[in-house]
Amino acid sequence: MTDKKKKALLIFALFAVIVAASALLARRGHIFEVDLYKSGNGWGYDITGKGKVRIHQPFMPAIEGEKPFPDKASARKTARMVIRKMKNREMPSVTPEEIRKILEK
């Protein structure tokens, strides 16, 4: 077998493994997506899974008042943290300290 054929076969095999792993995770319901959107004068996020909105967060959680995220990046970081908690079967709540750390970066 030539080197080109070996490389092509290896790439195909890796692609097949990635597709299979993605299909397994999707069946388990571990695939969540983040949708960011403008909310008032800032940003909010939705976390969707299995075609349904699981969390709708137009404002910063754990912060007094209805204040949207100041920028897209902080909304995305918070949503990813919440997803990580959901995947670890933790409560997807956010503390004021966690929000402050995200906003400081």
Foldseek 3Di string as FASTA:
>chain_A
DDPVVVVVVVVVVVVVVVVVVVVVCLVVFLDKDWDWDDADQEIAIFIDIPRDTPDGGQADAQDPDRHGDHYPQLNVVLVVQLSVCVNVVHHSHDHPVNSVVSVVD
